[in-house]
């Protein structure tokens, strides 16, 4: 039996975190934690060391990209960033831990493809 991919999700909207958690569970992934802001995301990832992070870009205290950059100093965790606002600059998306970018609302096939690509990094 193969081990389920362990994910942490982060979004400042509770309903989005809950919906993503249910969806990811149905797709066969294990959501080990969720965070409502960037600072909490960094703390959870340092403690749990997930296989992958799915995060919103705009969050309180620290953006998803800032959290990815902070964690990349000590951990090699790939990030998939999401936004319903503007697309981040190429420079922001070029940061080492960001494996992919998705537009909200996230479509299931796009999410599965992004997870597949990010998990082989």
Protein backbone atom coordinates (compact mmCIF):
# COMPACT_ATOMS: atom_id res chain seq x y z
CA UNK A 1 0.00 0.00 0.00
CA UNK A 2 1.40 3.40 -0.94
CA UNK A 3 1.58 6.20 1.57
CA UNK A 4 -0.91 9.02 1.07
CA UNK A 5 0.60 12.40 0.23
CA UNK A 6 0.51 14.65 3.33
CA UNK A 7 -0.65 18.22 2.67
CA UNK A 8 -1.08 21.44 4.61
CA UNK A 9 -3.58 23.92 3.24
CA UNK A 10 -3.68 27.64 3.99
CA UNK A 11 -6.33 30.22 3.24
CA UNK A 12 -7.75 33.07 5.29
CA UNK A 13 -11.31 31.97 4.40
CA UNK A 14 -12.59 29.13 6.56
CA UNK A 15 -15.07 27.82 3.97
CA UNK A 16 -12.32 27.51 1.37
CA UNK A 17 -10.08 25.58 3.80
CA UNK A 18 -12.94 23.23 4.69
CA UNK A 19 -13.94 22.69 1.05
CA UNK A 20 -10.35 22.01 -0.03
CA UNK A 21 -9.86 19.64 2.87
CA UNK A 22 -12.94 17.60 1.93
CA UNK A 23 -11.99 17.58 -1.75
CA UNK A 24 -8.38 16.55 -1.10
CA UNK A 25 -9.54 13.75 1.20
CA UNK A 26 -11.89 12.45 -1.53
CA UNK A 27 -8.98 12.57 -4.00
CA UNK A 28 -6.92 10.36 -1.68
CA UNK A 29 -4.64 12.91 -0.01
CA UNK A 30 -4.14 13.40 3.72
CA UNK A 31 -4.63 16.96 4.96
CA UNK A 32 -2.54 17.03 8.13
CA UNK A 33 -3.33 20.65 9.05
CA UNK A 34 -4.79 23.90 7.83
CA UNK A 35 -3.73 27.48 8.51
CA UNK A 36 -5.63 30.76 8.35
CA UNK A 37 -2.57 33.00 7.90
CA UNK A 38 1.01 32.87 6.68
CA UNK A 39 2.62 32.90 10.10
CA UNK A 40 0.54 29.93 11.23
CA UNK A 41 1.40 28.15 7.97
CA UNK A 42 5.13 28.48 8.63
CA UNK A 43 4.76 27.20 12.21
CA UNK A 44 2.66 24.18 11.14
CA UNK A 45 5.03 23.26 8.32
CA UNK A 46 8.06 23.42 10.59
CA UNK A 47 6.31 21.12 13.05
CA UNK A 48 4.66 18.66 10.63
CA UNK A 49 6.96 18.80 7.55
CA UNK A 50 4.26 17.98 4.96
CA UNK A 51 4.95 16.63 1.49
CA UNK A 52 3.21 19.59 -0.15
CA UNK A 53 1.53 22.90 0.70
CA UNK A 54 -1.50 24.36 -1.04
CA UNK A 55 -1.81 28.03 -0.11
CA UNK A 56 -3.62 31.22 -0.92
CA UNK A 57 -1.33 34.10 -1.81
CA UNK A 58 -3.06 36.92 0.06
CA UNK A 59 -3.30 36.15 3.79
CA UNK A 60 -2.85 38.09 7.02
CA UNK A 61 0.60 38.55 8.60
CA UNK A 62 2.50 36.90 5.73
CA UNK A 63 1.55 36.00 2.15
CA UNK A 64 1.68 32.44 0.88
CA UNK A 65 4.72 33.33 -1.21
CA UNK A 66 6.49 34.94 1.77
CA UNK A 67 5.74 31.80 3.80
CA UNK A 68 7.16 29.64 1.00
CA UNK A 69 10.34 31.72 0.89
CA UNK A 70 10.71 31.61 4.68
CA UNK A 71 10.30 27.82 4.81
CA UNK A 72 12.66 27.28 1.88
CA UNK A 73 15.51 28.42 4.14
CA UNK A 74 15.19 25.23 6.20
CA UNK A 75 12.82 22.83 4.37
CA UNK A 76 12.39 21.54 0.82
CA UNK A 77 8.59 21.59 0.70
CA UNK A 78 6.94 22.34 -2.66
CA UNK A 79 4.14 24.93 -2.70
CA UNK A 80 1.15 25.34 -4.96
CA UNK A 81 -0.13 28.91 -4.67
CA UNK A 82 -3.66 30.03 -5.46
CA UNK A 83 -5.31 33.39 -5.95
CA UNK A 84 -8.67 34.74 -7.03
CA UNK A 85 -7.09 38.15 -7.58
CA UNK A 86 -4.34 39.10 -9.97
CA UNK A 87 -1.73 36.68 -11.18
CA UNK A 88 1.51 37.05 -9.23
CA UNK A 89 4.50 38.41 -11.08
CA UNK A 90 6.83 35.96 -12.81
CA UNK A 91 9.47 36.96 -10.27
CA UNK A 92 7.19 35.93 -7.38
CA UNK A 93 6.28 32.65 -9.06
CA UNK A 94 9.94 32.01 -9.79
CA UNK A 95 10.76 31.55 -6.11
CA UNK A 96 12.23 28.11 -5.52
CA UNK A 97 9.48 26.43 -3.47
CA UNK A 98 6.57 27.52 -5.74
CA UNK A 99 5.85 24.54 -7.98
CA UNK A 100 2.61 25.78 -9.53
CA UNK A 101 -0.03 28.51 -9.55
CA UNK A 102 -3.81 28.02 -9.69
CA UNK A 103 -6.66 30.49 -10.17
CA UNK A 104 -9.57 30.28 -7.74
CA UNK A 105 -12.06 28.80 -7.95
CA UNK A 106 -9.77 25.84 -8.46
CA UNK A 107 -10.89 23.21 -10.95
CA UNK A 108 -10.37 19.59 -9.85
CA UNK A 109 -8.39 18.50 -12.96
CA UNK A 110 -6.08 21.52 -12.59
CA UNK A 111 -5.58 20.75 -8.90
CA UNK A 112 -4.78 17.10 -9.57
CA UNK A 113 -2.30 18.01 -12.29
CA UNK A 114 -0.59 20.62 -10.09
CA UNK A 115 -0.31 18.16 -7.19
CA UNK A 116 1.06 15.49 -9.49
CA UNK A 117 3.71 17.83 -10.90
CA UNK A 118 4.65 19.27 -7.49
CA UNK A 119 4.93 15.90 -5.77
CA UNK A 120 7.64 14.68 -8.16
CA UNK A 121 9.91 17.67 -7.51
